[in-house]
Amino acid sequence: MTPLKKIQKVISPAEILSNNLNHFAHTKNIHEAELARQTNIPQPTLHKILTGKTTDPRISTVQTLADYFGVTLDALYSETAFIDNRGALKGKSIPVISWSDCIYYRTVLKKLTPTNWGHWVLIKHDHQQSCFALKSKVATEPHFPKGTLFIIDTQTTPKDGDFVVVHFDNTPECTLRELSIDGRTEILLPLNTRAKAEKHGKSIHIIGIVLESRFLYEER
């Protein structure tokens, strides 16, 4: 008589996500209400995810939780995420701000803390104090697809070919340009045909360079 094979229980992705999030929350000693507050995720939504009742959560919501706990998105769906810690990221969190706020980024960054601001991302660079993040906008398309996140460094000196965040005097928000340097001449090249190239002068201020760009899934 052929012995019966032991049937292994299949764990659903929702259960894996729930188990991992509860583990990380326990490790960080944070309860559901506080986690909801710090991540700016509605508590009813978070509760359904933590209890495994949501089978298809928004990727953007899960990404927010991954960033908060300092792990990759894939790690939250891994059955071994907290055993081998392969998904762990080393680094510091920086705030995601608006294209208008980055005009006065020095003042803005001084006021933001995890308790009063819910939008943060993890970076592995050593420039945490001089960095912030920006979400792509229509003016950055099609060069950068919708859903791109830019990590901006305000201390590194721009070089030829860098993408830079710039502010034109008397405009309400910053924008993105590609820097072209020819000798002593600096030209700011637009990312699309709706704008024109501009020579860098006193009325145009370079805020920082794009240190890294990441693609994020937009909310469905």
N, C-alpha and C. Protein backbone atom coordinates (compact mmCIF):
# COMPACT_ATOMS: atom_id res chain seq x y z
N MET A 1 0.85 -1.20 0.00
CA MET A 1 0.00 0.00 0.00
C MET A 1 0.88 1.25 0.00
N THR A 2 0.62 2.15 -0.93
CA THR A 2 1.43 3.37 -1.04
C THR A 2 1.07 4.33 0.08
N PRO A 3 2.08 4.77 0.84
CA PRO A 3 1.79 5.68 1.94
C PRO A 3 1.27 7.02 1.42
N LEU A 4 0.37 7.59 2.18
CA LEU A 4 -0.19 8.89 1.79
C LEU A 4 0.86 9.98 1.98
N LYS A 5 0.93 10.87 1.02
CA LYS A 5 1.85 11.99 1.13
C LYS A 5 1.25 13.06 2.04
N LYS A 6 2.11 13.64 2.82
CA LYS A 6 1.67 14.70 3.72
C LYS A 6 1.37 15.96 2.89
N ILE A 7 0.18 16.47 3.05
CA ILE A 7 -0.22 17.66 2.30
C ILE A 7 0.19 18.91 3.07
N GLN A 8 0.99 19.74 2.41
CA GLN A 8 1.43 20.97 3.04
C GLN A 8 0.37 22.04 2.89
N LYS A 9 0.18 22.81 3.93
CA LYS A 9 -0.77 23.91 3.88
C LYS A 9 -0.22 25.02 3.00
N VAL A 10 -1.03 25.47 2.08
CA VAL A 10 -0.63 26.57 1.20
C VAL A 10 -1.01 27.89 1.88
N ILE A 11 -0.01 28.72 2.09
CA ILE A 11 -0.24 30.01 2.73
C ILE A 11 -0.48 31.06 1.65
N SER A 12 -1.56 31.77 1.76
CA SER A 12 -1.89 32.78 0.76
C SER A 12 -0.99 34.00 0.90
N PRO A 13 -0.82 34.77 -0.18
CA PRO A 13 -0.03 36.00 -0.10
C PRO A 13 -0.53 36.95 0.98
N ALA A 14 -1.86 37.00 1.16
CA ALA A 14 -2.43 37.88 2.19
C ALA A 14 -1.99 37.46 3.58
N GLU A 15 -1.92 36.13 3.81
CA GLU A 15 -1.48 35.61 5.11
C GLU A 15 0.00 35.89 5.33
N ILE A 16 0.80 35.71 4.27
CA ILE A 16 2.24 35.98 4.37
C ILE A 16 2.47 37.45 4.71
N LEU A 17 1.77 38.32 3.99
CA LEU A 17 1.89 39.76 4.24
C LEU A 17 1.47 40.09 5.66
N SER A 18 0.37 39.52 6.10
CA SER A 18 -0.12 39.76 7.45
C SER A 18 0.89 39.29 8.50
N ASN A 19 1.42 38.07 8.32
CA ASN A 19 2.39 37.53 9.27
C ASN A 19 3.64 38.40 9.36
N ASN A 20 4.15 38.82 8.20
CA ASN A 20 5.38 39.61 8.19
C ASN A 20 5.16 40.98 8.82
N LEU A 21 4.05 41.62 8.49
CA LEU A 21 3.78 42.95 9.05
C LEU A 21 3.60 42.89 10.55
N ASN A 22 2.91 41.87 11.03
CA ASN A 22 2.73 41.73 12.47
C ASN A 22 4.05 41.46 13.17
N HIS A 23 4.92 40.69 12.50
CA HIS A 23 6.25 40.43 13.08
C HIS A 23 7.05 41.72 13.18
N PHE A 24 7.09 42.50 12.09
CA PHE A 24 7.86 43.74 12.10
C PHE A 24 7.27 44.75 13.08
N ALA A 25 5.95 44.78 13.18
CA ALA A 25 5.31 45.69 14.14
C ALA A 25 5.66 45.31 15.57
N HIS A 26 5.67 43.99 15.83
CA HIS A 26 6.03 43.50 17.17
C HIS A 26 7.49 43.83 17.48
N THR A 27 8.36 43.62 16.49
CA THR A 27 9.78 43.91 16.68
C THR A 27 10.00 45.39 16.96
N LYS A 28 9.25 46.23 16.28
CA LYS A 28 9.38 47.68 16.45
C LYS A 28 8.57 48.19 17.63
N ASN A 29 7.79 47.28 18.24
CA ASN A 29 6.97 47.61 19.41
C ASN A 29 6.01 48.76 19.10
N ILE A 30 5.31 48.62 17.98
CA ILE A 30 4.34 49.63 17.59
C ILE A 30 2.98 48.98 17.38
N HIS A 31 1.93 49.59 17.90
CA HIS A 31 0.59 49.02 17.78
C HIS A 31 -0.10 49.55 16.54
N GLU A 32 -1.21 48.96 16.23
CA GLU A 32 -1.92 49.25 14.98
C GLU A 32 -2.27 50.73 14.81
N ALA A 33 -2.83 51.33 15.85
CA ALA A 33 -3.27 52.72 15.75
C ALA A 33 -2.09 53.66 15.48
N GLU A 34 -0.99 53.42 16.17
CA GLU A 34 0.19 54.27 15.99
C GLU A 34 0.81 54.06 14.62
N LEU A 35 0.82 52.81 14.15
CA LEU A 35 1.34 52.52 12.82
C LEU A 35 0.51 53.23 11.76
N ALA A 36 -0.79 53.22 11.93
CA ALA A 36 -1.68 53.92 10.99
C ALA A 36 -1.39 55.41 10.99
N ARG A 37 -1.16 55.96 12.17
CA ARG A 37 -0.90 57.40 12.27
C ARG A 37 0.42 57.77 11.62
N GLN A 38 1.47 56.98 11.88
CA GLN A 38 2.79 57.32 11.36
C GLN A 38 2.92 57.09 9.86
N THR A 39 2.14 56.17 9.32
CA THR A 39 2.22 55.89 7.88
C THR A 39 1.14 56.61 7.08
N ASN A 40 0.21 57.26 7.80
CA ASN A 40 -0.89 57.98 7.16
C ASN A 40 -1.81 57.04 6.38
N ILE A 41 -1.91 55.80 6.84
CA ILE A 41 -2.82 54.82 6.25
C ILE A 41 -4.07 54.75 7.13
N PRO A 42 -5.26 54.84 6.56
CA PRO A 42 -6.48 54.74 7.38
C PRO A 42 -6.47 53.46 8.21
N GLN A 43 -6.80 53.58 9.50
CA GLN A 43 -6.71 52.42 10.38
C GLN A 43 -7.60 51.25 9.93
N PRO A 44 -8.82 51.48 9.44
CA PRO A 44 -9.61 50.34 8.96
C PRO A 44 -8.92 49.58 7.82
N THR A 45 -8.27 50.33 6.93
CA THR A 45 -7.52 49.69 5.83
C THR A 45 -6.36 48.88 6.38
N LEU A 46 -5.61 49.49 7.31
CA LEU A 46 -4.47 48.80 7.91
C LEU A 46 -4.91 47.56 8.67
N HIS A 47 -6.02 47.66 9.38
CA HIS A 47 -6.53 46.52 10.16
C HIS A 47 -6.83 45.33 9.26
N LYS A 48 -7.44 45.59 8.11
CA LYS A 48 -7.76 44.50 7.18
C LYS A 48 -6.49 43.84 6.64
N ILE A 49 -5.45 44.64 6.41
CA ILE A 49 -4.19 44.08 5.93
C ILE A 49 -3.52 43.26 7.01
N LEU A 50 -3.49 43.78 8.24
CA LEU A 50 -2.82 43.09 9.35
C LEU A 50 -3.53 41.79 9.73
N THR A 51 -4.81 41.72 9.48
CA THR A 51 -5.57 40.51 9.81
C THR A 51 -5.74 39.57 8.61
N GLY A 52 -5.16 39.96 7.47
CA GLY A 52 -5.23 39.11 6.29
C GLY A 52 -6.56 39.10 5.59
N LYS A 53 -7.42 40.08 5.89
CA LYS A 53 -8.76 40.10 5.30
C LYS A 53 -8.79 40.78 3.93
N THR A 54 -7.72 41.51 3.61
CA THR A 54 -7.62 42.14 2.29
C THR A 54 -6.73 41.29 1.41
N THR A 55 -7.30 40.72 0.36
CA THR A 55 -6.54 39.82 -0.50
C THR A 55 -5.78 40.56 -1.60
N ASP A 56 -6.16 41.80 -1.88
CA ASP A 56 -5.50 42.54 -2.96
C ASP A 56 -5.31 44.00 -2.56
N PRO A 57 -4.42 44.25 -1.57
CA PRO A 57 -4.20 45.62 -1.14
C PRO A 57 -3.49 46.43 -2.21
N ARG A 58 -3.65 47.72 -2.16
CA ARG A 58 -2.97 48.59 -3.12
C ARG A 58 -1.46 48.48 -2.93
N ILE A 59 -0.76 48.41 -4.06
CA ILE A 59 0.70 48.31 -4.02
C ILE A 59 1.30 49.51 -3.31
N SER A 60 0.73 50.69 -3.56
CA SER A 60 1.27 51.91 -2.93
C SER A 60 1.16 51.85 -1.42
N THR A 61 0.10 51.24 -0.90
CA THR A 61 -0.07 51.10 0.55
C THR A 61 0.96 50.14 1.12
N VAL A 62 1.17 49.02 0.45
CA VAL A 62 2.16 48.04 0.91
C VAL A 62 3.56 48.63 0.81
N GLN A 63 3.82 49.42 -0.24
CA GLN A 63 5.12 50.06 -0.39
C GLN A 63 5.39 51.03 0.76
N THR A 64 4.35 51.75 1.19
CA THR A 64 4.49 52.66 2.33
C THR A 64 4.90 51.90 3.58
N LEU A 65 4.29 50.74 3.80
CA LEU A 65 4.63 49.91 4.96
C LEU A 65 6.04 49.35 4.83
N ALA A 66 6.43 48.95 3.63
CA ALA A 66 7.78 48.43 3.41
C ALA A 66 8.81 49.51 3.72
N ASP A 67 8.56 50.73 3.23
CA ASP A 67 9.48 51.84 3.50
C ASP A 67 9.57 52.13 5.00
N TYR A 68 8.43 52.07 5.67
CA TYR A 68 8.41 52.36 7.11
C TYR A 68 9.26 51.36 7.89
N PHE A 69 9.14 50.07 7.55
CA PHE A 69 9.88 49.04 8.28
C PHE A 69 11.28 48.81 7.72
N GLY A 70 11.63 49.52 6.65
CA GLY A 70 12.97 49.41 6.11
C GLY A 70 13.26 48.10 5.41
N VAL A 71 12.26 47.58 4.70
CA VAL A 71 12.45 46.34 3.94
C VAL A 71 11.95 46.56 2.52
N THR A 72 12.25 45.60 1.65
CA THR A 72 11.78 45.70 0.28
C THR A 72 10.33 45.23 0.19
N LEU A 73 9.69 45.60 -0.91
CA LEU A 73 8.32 45.17 -1.15
C LEU A 73 8.25 43.65 -1.24
N ASP A 74 9.22 43.06 -1.94
CA ASP A 74 9.26 41.60 -2.09
C ASP A 74 9.38 40.90 -0.74
N ALA A 75 10.13 41.52 0.17
CA ALA A 75 10.35 40.90 1.48
C ALA A 75 9.05 40.73 2.26
N LEU A 76 8.13 41.66 2.09
CA LEU A 76 6.87 41.56 2.81
C LEU A 76 6.02 40.39 2.34
N TYR A 77 6.30 39.90 1.14
CA TYR A 77 5.56 38.75 0.62
C TYR A 77 6.40 37.47 0.65
N SER A 78 7.53 37.52 1.36
CA SER A 78 8.41 36.36 1.46
C SER A 78 8.13 35.61 2.76
N GLU A 79 8.06 34.27 2.67
CA GLU A 79 7.82 33.46 3.87
C GLU A 79 9.03 33.43 4.79
N THR A 80 10.18 33.90 4.30
CA THR A 80 11.40 33.89 5.11
C THR A 80 11.92 35.30 5.37
N ALA A 81 11.07 36.29 5.20
CA ALA A 81 11.51 37.68 5.30
C ALA A 81 12.18 38.00 6.62
N PHE A 82 11.58 37.53 7.72
CA PHE A 82 12.15 37.89 9.02
C PHE A 82 13.03 36.78 9.60
N ILE A 83 13.25 35.71 8.80
CA ILE A 83 14.15 34.65 9.26
C ILE A 83 15.57 34.93 8.80
N ASP A 84 15.73 35.19 7.47
CA ASP A 84 17.07 35.44 6.97
C ASP A 84 17.35 36.93 6.75
N ASN A 85 16.28 37.75 6.85
CA ASN A 85 16.44 39.20 6.76
C ASN A 85 17.04 39.67 5.44
N ARG A 86 16.85 38.88 4.38
CA ARG A 86 17.42 39.26 3.10
C ARG A 86 16.78 40.53 2.55
N GLY A 87 15.58 40.82 2.99
CA GLY A 87 14.90 42.00 2.45
C GLY A 87 15.24 43.28 3.18
N ALA A 88 16.02 43.19 4.23
CA ALA A 88 16.29 44.38 5.02
C ALA A 88 17.16 45.37 4.26
N LEU A 89 16.84 46.64 4.42
CA LEU A 89 17.62 47.70 3.83
C LEU A 89 18.29 48.50 4.93
N LYS A 90 19.52 48.90 4.67
CA LYS A 90 20.21 49.75 5.62
C LYS A 90 20.15 51.18 5.10
N GLY A 91 19.84 52.11 5.96
CA GLY A 91 19.77 53.48 5.51
C GLY A 91 18.93 54.33 6.43
N LYS A 92 18.60 55.50 5.94
CA LYS A 92 17.82 56.47 6.71
C LYS A 92 16.62 56.92 5.89
N SER A 93 15.63 57.42 6.59
CA SER A 93 14.42 57.89 5.92
C SER A 93 14.52 59.38 5.60
N ILE A 94 14.01 59.75 4.43
CA ILE A 94 13.95 61.16 4.04
C ILE A 94 12.50 61.48 3.65
N PRO A 95 12.09 62.73 3.80
CA PRO A 95 10.70 63.07 3.50
C PRO A 95 10.43 63.23 2.01
N VAL A 96 9.21 62.91 1.61
CA VAL A 96 8.73 63.19 0.26
C VAL A 96 7.96 64.50 0.33
N ILE A 97 8.44 65.52 -0.37
CA ILE A 97 7.80 66.83 -0.30
C ILE A 97 7.28 67.23 -1.68
N SER A 98 6.65 68.39 -1.76
CA SER A 98 6.06 68.84 -3.02
C SER A 98 7.07 69.67 -3.82
N TRP A 99 6.75 69.85 -5.10
CA TRP A 99 7.61 70.66 -5.97
C TRP A 99 7.59 72.13 -5.56
N SER A 100 6.56 72.56 -4.88
CA SER A 100 6.52 73.94 -4.40
C SER A 100 7.27 74.08 -3.08
N ASP A 101 7.15 73.08 -2.21
CA ASP A 101 7.85 73.13 -0.93
C ASP A 101 9.37 73.10 -1.10
N CYS A 102 9.85 72.47 -2.17
CA CYS A 102 11.31 72.34 -2.30
C CYS A 102 11.97 73.67 -2.67
N ILE A 103 11.18 74.70 -3.00
CA ILE A 103 11.75 76.03 -3.20
C ILE A 103 12.40 76.50 -1.89
N TYR A 104 11.72 76.19 -0.78
CA TYR A 104 12.21 76.58 0.55
C TYR A 104 12.57 75.33 1.35
N TYR A 105 13.27 74.41 0.70
CA TYR A 105 13.49 73.09 1.30
C TYR A 105 14.21 73.15 2.64
N ARG A 106 15.12 74.11 2.82
CA ARG A 106 15.86 74.18 4.08
C ARG A 106 14.90 74.40 5.25
N THR A 107 13.99 75.33 5.10
CA THR A 107 13.01 75.62 6.14
C THR A 107 12.05 74.46 6.32
N VAL A 108 11.60 73.89 5.21
CA VAL A 108 10.63 72.79 5.25
C VAL A 108 11.22 71.57 5.94
N LEU A 109 12.44 71.19 5.58
CA LEU A 109 13.05 69.98 6.14
C LEU A 109 13.26 70.08 7.64
N LYS A 110 13.53 71.29 8.13
CA LYS A 110 13.75 71.47 9.56
C LYS A 110 12.48 71.22 10.37
N LYS A 111 11.33 71.41 9.74
CA LYS A 111 10.05 71.29 10.45
C LYS A 111 9.47 69.88 10.41
N LEU A 112 9.95 69.04 9.49
CA LEU A 112 9.33 67.73 9.31
C LEU A 112 9.93 66.67 10.22
N THR A 113 9.06 65.92 10.88
CA THR A 113 9.46 64.80 11.72
C THR A 113 8.51 63.64 11.45
N PRO A 114 8.88 62.42 11.84
CA PRO A 114 7.98 61.27 11.65
C PRO A 114 6.64 61.42 12.36
N THR A 115 6.58 62.29 13.36
CA THR A 115 5.33 62.46 14.09
C THR A 115 4.38 63.46 13.42
N ASN A 116 4.92 64.38 12.61
CA ASN A 116 4.03 65.37 11.97
C ASN A 116 3.97 65.23 10.46
N TRP A 117 4.70 64.26 9.91
CA TRP A 117 4.70 64.07 8.46
C TRP A 117 4.68 62.58 8.14
N GLY A 118 3.77 62.17 7.27
CA GLY A 118 3.60 60.74 7.03
C GLY A 118 4.24 60.19 5.78
N HIS A 119 4.94 61.03 5.00
CA HIS A 119 5.48 60.57 3.71
C HIS A 119 7.00 60.53 3.76
N TRP A 120 7.53 59.32 3.89
CA TRP A 120 8.97 59.11 4.00
C TRP A 120 9.40 57.94 3.12
N VAL A 121 10.65 57.97 2.68
CA VAL A 121 11.23 56.84 1.94
C VAL A 121 12.62 56.56 2.50
N LEU A 122 13.05 55.33 2.33
CA LEU A 122 14.35 54.92 2.84
C LEU A 122 15.41 55.07 1.76
N ILE A 123 16.57 55.61 2.12
CA ILE A 123 17.69 55.68 1.18
C ILE A 123 18.91 55.04 1.81
N LYS A 124 19.80 54.56 0.96
CA LYS A 124 21.02 53.91 1.43
C LYS A 124 22.23 54.83 1.33
N HIS A 125 22.02 56.06 0.93
CA HIS A 125 23.12 57.00 0.76
C HIS A 125 23.48 57.66 2.09
N ASP A 126 24.64 58.31 2.12
CA ASP A 126 25.11 58.94 3.34
C ASP A 126 24.74 60.42 3.42
N HIS A 127 23.87 60.88 2.53
CA HIS A 127 23.55 62.30 2.47
C HIS A 127 22.18 62.62 3.06
N GLN A 128 21.78 61.87 4.05
CA GLN A 128 20.41 61.99 4.56
C GLN A 128 20.01 63.42 4.89
N GLN A 129 20.90 64.15 5.56
CA GLN A 129 20.55 65.49 6.04
C GLN A 129 20.31 66.47 4.90
N SER A 130 20.86 66.19 3.72
CA SER A 130 20.73 67.12 2.60
C SER A 130 19.82 66.60 1.51
N CYS A 131 19.06 65.56 1.80
CA CYS A 131 18.23 64.92 0.78
C CYS A 131 16.74 65.02 1.09
N PHE A 132 15.97 65.00 0.03
CA PHE A 132 14.52 64.83 0.12
C PHE A 132 14.06 64.14 -1.15
N ALA A 133 12.80 63.78 -1.21
CA ALA A 133 12.28 63.07 -2.38
C ALA A 133 11.13 63.85 -3.00
N LEU A 134 10.96 63.67 -4.31
CA LEU A 134 9.87 64.30 -5.06
C LEU A 134 9.18 63.25 -5.92
N LYS A 135 7.87 63.36 -6.04
CA LYS A 135 7.14 62.48 -6.94
C LYS A 135 7.08 63.12 -8.33
N SER A 136 7.16 62.29 -9.36
CA SER A 136 7.12 62.81 -10.72
C SER A 136 5.81 63.55 -10.99
N LYS A 137 5.86 64.44 -11.96
CA LYS A 137 4.67 65.18 -12.37
C LYS A 137 4.58 65.15 -13.90
N VAL A 138 3.53 65.74 -14.44
CA VAL A 138 3.30 65.68 -15.89
C VAL A 138 4.49 66.24 -16.66
N ALA A 139 5.10 67.30 -16.13
CA ALA A 139 6.20 67.95 -16.84
C ALA A 139 7.44 67.06 -16.95
N THR A 140 7.53 66.01 -16.14
CA THR A 140 8.70 65.12 -16.21
C THR A 140 8.47 63.95 -17.17
N GLU A 141 7.25 63.85 -17.70
CA GLU A 141 6.94 62.80 -18.67
C GLU A 141 7.21 63.31 -20.09
N PRO A 142 7.49 62.47 -21.07
CA PRO A 142 7.58 61.00 -20.95
C PRO A 142 8.97 60.49 -20.59
N HIS A 143 9.91 61.45 -20.36
CA HIS A 143 11.28 61.02 -20.05
C HIS A 143 11.30 60.10 -18.83
N PHE A 144 10.53 60.48 -17.80
CA PHE A 144 10.36 59.64 -16.63
C PHE A 144 8.88 59.25 -16.55
N PRO A 145 8.58 57.97 -16.42
CA PRO A 145 7.17 57.54 -16.41
C PRO A 145 6.44 58.00 -15.16
N LYS A 146 5.13 58.10 -15.29
CA LYS A 146 4.29 58.43 -14.14
C LYS A 146 4.54 57.40 -13.04
N GLY A 147 4.72 57.89 -11.81
CA GLY A 147 5.00 56.98 -10.71
C GLY A 147 6.46 56.94 -10.33
N THR A 148 7.29 57.81 -10.94
CA THR A 148 8.72 57.85 -10.60
C THR A 148 8.92 58.69 -9.35
N LEU A 149 9.81 58.23 -8.49
CA LEU A 149 10.18 58.97 -7.29
C LEU A 149 11.63 59.40 -7.43
N PHE A 150 11.89 60.69 -7.25
CA PHE A 150 13.24 61.22 -7.38
C PHE A 150 13.86 61.45 -6.00
N ILE A 151 15.07 60.95 -5.80
CA ILE A 151 15.84 61.24 -4.59
C ILE A 151 16.76 62.41 -4.92
N ILE A 152 16.58 63.52 -4.21
CA ILE A 152 17.30 64.76 -4.52
C ILE A 152 18.37 65.04 -3.48
N ASP A 153 19.59 65.31 -3.96
CA ASP A 153 20.71 65.67 -3.08
C ASP A 153 21.04 67.14 -3.31
N THR A 154 21.00 67.93 -2.26
CA THR A 154 21.21 69.37 -2.39
C THR A 154 22.65 69.81 -2.15
N GLN A 155 23.53 68.88 -1.81
CA GLN A 155 24.91 69.26 -1.48
C GLN A 155 25.92 68.92 -2.56
N THR A 156 25.65 67.87 -3.34
CA THR A 156 26.60 67.46 -4.37
C THR A 156 26.62 68.47 -5.52
N THR A 157 27.81 68.84 -5.96
CA THR A 157 27.95 69.79 -7.07
C THR A 157 27.50 69.14 -8.38
N PRO A 158 26.59 69.76 -9.11
CA PRO A 158 26.11 69.18 -10.36
C PRO A 158 27.22 69.09 -11.40
N LYS A 159 27.15 68.06 -12.24
CA LYS A 159 28.11 67.91 -13.33
C LYS A 159 27.36 67.72 -14.64
N ASP A 160 28.09 67.78 -15.73
CA ASP A 160 27.49 67.66 -17.05
C ASP A 160 26.69 66.36 -17.19
N GLY A 161 25.45 66.49 -17.65
CA GLY A 161 24.61 65.32 -17.84
C GLY A 161 23.71 65.00 -16.67
N ASP A 162 23.89 65.68 -15.53
CA ASP A 162 23.03 65.43 -14.37
C ASP A 162 21.63 65.98 -14.61
N PHE A 163 20.65 65.30 -14.01
CA PHE A 163 19.30 65.85 -13.94
C PHE A 163 19.24 66.69 -12.66
N VAL A 164 18.76 67.91 -12.79
CA VAL A 164 18.76 68.82 -11.65
C VAL A 164 17.37 69.40 -11.42
N VAL A 165 17.07 69.65 -10.15
CA VAL A 165 15.84 70.36 -9.79
C VAL A 165 16.17 71.84 -9.79
N VAL A 166 15.39 72.63 -10.52
CA VAL A 166 15.67 74.06 -10.63
C VAL A 166 14.42 74.87 -10.30
N HIS A 167 14.68 76.11 -9.88
CA HIS A 167 13.56 77.04 -9.65
C HIS A 167 13.80 78.30 -10.45
N PHE A 168 12.83 78.64 -11.28
CA PHE A 168 12.86 79.89 -12.04
C PHE A 168 12.19 80.97 -11.20
N ASP A 169 12.83 82.13 -11.10
CA ASP A 169 12.24 83.23 -10.33
C ASP A 169 10.79 83.50 -10.76
N ASN A 170 9.98 83.84 -9.76
CA ASN A 170 8.57 84.21 -9.99
C ASN A 170 7.72 83.07 -10.53
N THR A 171 8.10 81.84 -10.23
CA THR A 171 7.27 80.68 -10.57
C THR A 171 6.91 79.96 -9.27
N PRO A 172 5.74 79.31 -9.21
CA PRO A 172 5.24 78.75 -7.95
C PRO A 172 5.86 77.43 -7.52
N GLU A 173 6.58 76.76 -8.41
CA GLU A 173 7.17 75.48 -8.03
C GLU A 173 8.42 75.19 -8.85
N CYS A 174 9.19 74.23 -8.37
CA CYS A 174 10.41 73.83 -9.07
C CYS A 174 10.07 72.91 -10.23
N THR A 175 11.07 72.64 -11.04
CA THR A 175 10.89 71.72 -12.15
C THR A 175 12.20 70.97 -12.38
N LEU A 176 12.20 70.05 -13.35
CA LEU A 176 13.36 69.20 -13.59
C LEU A 176 13.97 69.54 -14.95
N ARG A 177 15.29 69.61 -14.98
CA ARG A 177 16.01 69.87 -16.22
C ARG A 177 17.26 68.98 -16.29
N GLU A 178 17.79 68.82 -17.51
CA GLU A 178 19.06 68.13 -17.68
C GLU A 178 20.14 69.19 -17.87
N LEU A 179 21.22 69.07 -17.12
CA LEU A 179 22.29 70.08 -17.16
C LEU A 179 23.32 69.72 -18.22
N SER A 180 23.61 70.66 -19.09
CA SER A 180 24.65 70.50 -20.10
C SER A 180 25.70 71.57 -19.87
N ILE A 181 26.94 71.16 -19.67
CA ILE A 181 28.02 72.10 -19.39
C ILE A 181 29.02 72.09 -20.54
N ASP A 182 29.26 73.26 -21.11
CA ASP A 182 30.24 73.41 -22.19
C ASP A 182 31.17 74.54 -21.81
N GLY A 183 32.34 74.18 -21.28
CA GLY A 183 33.24 75.21 -20.78
C GLY A 183 32.64 75.87 -19.56
N ARG A 184 32.46 77.19 -19.63
CA ARG A 184 31.85 77.92 -18.52
C ARG A 184 30.35 78.12 -18.70
N THR A 185 29.84 77.63 -19.79
CA THR A 185 28.41 77.81 -20.08
C THR A 185 27.60 76.62 -19.59
N GLU A 186 26.56 76.91 -18.84
CA GLU A 186 25.66 75.88 -18.35
C GLU A 186 24.28 76.07 -18.99
N ILE A 187 23.82 75.03 -19.67
CA ILE A 187 22.52 75.07 -20.33
C ILE A 187 21.58 74.08 -19.64
N LEU A 188 20.37 74.51 -19.37
CA LEU A 188 19.37 73.65 -18.75
C LEU A 188 18.41 73.18 -19.85
N LEU A 189 18.47 71.89 -20.14
CA LEU A 189 17.69 71.32 -21.23
C LEU A 189 16.35 70.79 -20.71
N PRO A 190 15.25 71.09 -21.39
CA PRO A 190 13.94 70.59 -20.96
C PRO A 190 13.80 69.10 -21.24
N LEU A 191 12.86 68.46 -20.55
CA LEU A 191 12.63 67.03 -20.74
C LEU A 191 11.60 66.76 -21.82
N ASN A 192 10.92 67.79 -22.28
CA ASN A 192 9.94 67.62 -23.35
C ASN A 192 9.94 68.85 -24.24
N THR A 193 9.21 68.79 -25.33
CA THR A 193 9.23 69.85 -26.34
C THR A 193 8.37 71.06 -25.96
N ARG A 194 7.66 70.97 -24.85
CA ARG A 194 6.79 72.08 -24.45
C ARG A 194 7.57 73.23 -23.82
N ALA A 195 8.82 72.98 -23.47
CA ALA A 195 9.65 74.02 -22.86
C ALA A 195 10.89 74.23 -23.73
N LYS A 196 11.63 75.28 -23.44
CA LYS A 196 12.82 75.59 -24.22
C LYS A 196 14.06 75.52 -23.33
N ALA A 197 15.22 75.36 -23.98
CA ALA A 197 16.48 75.34 -23.25
C ALA A 197 16.76 76.73 -22.71
N GLU A 198 17.36 76.78 -21.52
CA GLU A 198 17.66 78.05 -20.88
C GLU A 198 19.12 78.06 -20.42
N LYS A 199 19.77 79.21 -20.58
CA LYS A 199 21.11 79.37 -20.04
C LYS A 199 21.01 79.63 -18.54
N HIS A 200 21.80 78.90 -17.77
CA HIS A 200 21.76 79.06 -16.32
C HIS A 200 22.28 80.44 -15.94
N GLY A 201 21.42 81.21 -15.27
CA GLY A 201 21.80 82.55 -14.85
C GLY A 201 21.28 82.87 -13.47
N LYS A 202 21.32 84.15 -13.10
CA LYS A 202 20.95 84.56 -11.75
C LYS A 202 19.48 84.32 -11.43
N SER A 203 18.64 84.27 -12.45
CA SER A 203 17.20 84.11 -12.21
C SER A 203 16.77 82.64 -12.14
N ILE A 204 17.73 81.74 -12.30
CA ILE A 204 17.45 80.30 -12.24
C ILE A 204 18.32 79.68 -11.16
N HIS A 205 17.70 79.03 -10.20
CA HIS A 205 18.43 78.48 -9.06
C HIS A 205 18.41 76.95 -9.09
N ILE A 206 19.58 76.35 -9.06
CA ILE A 206 19.67 74.89 -9.00
C ILE A 206 19.52 74.45 -7.54
N ILE A 207 18.49 73.70 -7.26
CA ILE A 207 18.20 73.25 -5.89
C ILE A 207 19.03 72.02 -5.53
N GLY A 208 19.13 71.08 -6.44
CA GLY A 208 19.88 69.85 -6.17
C GLY A 208 19.89 68.94 -7.38
N ILE A 209 20.61 67.84 -7.27
CA ILE A 209 20.70 66.88 -8.36
C ILE A 209 19.84 65.65 -8.06
N VAL A 210 19.44 64.96 -9.11
CA VAL A 210 18.74 63.69 -8.94
C VAL A 210 19.78 62.62 -8.65
N LEU A 211 19.79 62.18 -7.40
CA LEU A 211 20.74 61.17 -6.97
C LEU A 211 20.30 59.78 -7.40
N GLU A 212 18.99 59.60 -7.43
CA GLU A 212 18.42 58.28 -7.75
C GLU A 212 16.98 58.48 -8.19
N SER A 213 16.52 57.63 -9.10
CA SER A 213 15.10 57.63 -9.46
C SER A 213 14.57 56.22 -9.28
N ARG A 214 13.37 56.13 -8.74
CA ARG A 214 12.73 54.84 -8.49
C ARG A 214 11.35 54.85 -9.12
N PHE A 215 10.95 53.69 -9.61
CA PHE A 215 9.60 53.59 -10.16
C PHE A 215 8.69 53.00 -9.10
N LEU A 216 7.57 53.67 -8.85
CA LEU A 216 6.58 53.21 -7.89
C LEU A 216 5.28 52.93 -8.61
N TYR A 217 4.59 51.88 -8.18
CA TYR A 217 3.28 51.60 -8.74
C TYR A 217 2.30 52.64 -8.22
N GLU A 218 1.56 53.24 -9.13
CA GLU A 218 0.55 54.22 -8.73
C GLU A 218 -0.63 53.50 -8.10
N GLU A 219 -1.39 54.21 -7.28
CA GLU A 219 -2.59 53.64 -6.69
C GLU A 219 -3.58 53.30 -7.79
N ARG A 220 -4.19 52.14 -7.65
CA ARG A 220 -5.12 51.69 -8.69
C ARG A 220 -6.52 52.21 -8.42
